Amino acid sequence: MSSVIDQLKINPFNFSDLVKLSDEKETWRVRTGSYRVKFELFQKGKAVFVFDIKRRTSITY
C-alpha cells in the first residue's frame, strides 16, 4: 500500500484504474488489488490528500 501512496505523490494520474468520483469536484478513486484508495487533488495535482483506504472483499459486494 505504501508504494501506491508514493506513486500518488509522484504522479496521481499514472494508474490504469483511476476513476474520478462524480459527486465531488477533485475527488478520485484508484483500485489496487483488493484495496480502494480515495484521494483529493489540490492546486492542480500538486498536493494529494488521501482520505479513505478500504479493503474490498467478496462480502463487500
Protein backbone atom coordinates (compact mmCIF):
# COMPACT_ATOMS: atom_id res chain seq x y z
CA MET A 1 0.00 0.00 0.00
CA SER A 2 2.86 2.40 0.69
CA SER A 3 4.02 2.07 -2.93
CA VAL A 4 0.60 3.29 -4.10
CA ILE A 5 0.81 6.29 -1.79
CA ASP A 6 4.33 7.02 -3.05
CA GLN A 7 3.13 6.82 -6.66
CA LEU A 8 0.27 9.21 -5.87
CA LYS A 9 2.85 11.74 -4.68
CA ILE A 10 4.85 11.42 -7.91
CA ASN A 11 2.03 11.26 -10.47
CA PRO A 12 -1.57 10.72 -9.30
CA PHE A 13 -2.77 10.10 -12.88
CA ASN A 14 -0.42 7.18 -13.62
CA PHE A 15 -2.87 4.39 -12.72
CA SER A 16 -4.78 2.15 -15.09
CA ASP A 17 -7.81 2.00 -12.78
CA LEU A 18 -8.24 5.65 -11.87
CA VAL A 19 -11.82 6.93 -11.60
CA LYS A 20 -12.99 10.47 -10.97
CA LEU A 21 -15.84 10.40 -8.48
CA SER A 22 -18.80 12.29 -9.88
CA ASP A 23 -20.12 13.63 -6.59
CA GLU A 24 -17.03 15.68 -5.77
CA LYS A 25 -15.02 18.29 -7.67
CA GLU A 26 -11.47 16.89 -7.42
CA THR A 27 -12.02 13.54 -5.72
CA TRP A 28 -10.61 10.39 -7.30
CA ARG A 29 -10.51 6.67 -6.58
CA VAL A 30 -7.79 4.21 -7.52
CA ARG A 31 -8.04 0.45 -7.18
CA THR A 32 -5.00 -1.57 -6.25
CA GLY A 33 -5.59 -5.26 -5.63
CA SER A 34 -8.41 -5.61 -3.13
CA TYR A 35 -7.99 -2.06 -1.81
CA ARG A 36 -9.63 1.19 -2.86
CA VAL A 37 -7.86 4.47 -2.18
CA LYS A 38 -9.84 7.70 -2.33
CA PHE A 39 -7.95 10.95 -2.59
CA GLU A 40 -8.42 14.60 -3.33
CA LEU A 41 -6.19 16.78 -5.50
CA PHE A 42 -5.31 20.35 -4.63
CA GLN A 43 -3.51 23.04 -6.62
CA LYS A 44 -3.99 21.21 -9.93
CA GLY A 45 -2.38 17.97 -8.77
CA LYS A 46 0.49 19.46 -6.78
CA ALA A 47 -0.96 18.29 -3.45
CA VAL A 48 -2.67 14.98 -2.74
CA PHE A 49 -4.85 14.27 0.30
CA VAL A 50 -5.63 10.58 0.87
CA PHE A 51 -8.78 10.40 2.98
CA ASP A 52 -10.03 6.83 2.66
CA ILE A 53 -8.41 3.41 2.25
CA LYS A 54 -10.73 0.40 2.36
CA ARG A 55 -10.27 -3.27 1.66
CA ARG A 56 -12.90 -4.77 -0.60
CA THR A 57 -13.79 -8.42 -0.06
CA SER A 58 -16.37 -10.77 -1.55
CA ILE A 59 -18.67 -9.80 1.34
CA THR A 60 -18.45 -6.13 0.33
CA TYR A 61 -20.24 -6.79 -2.94
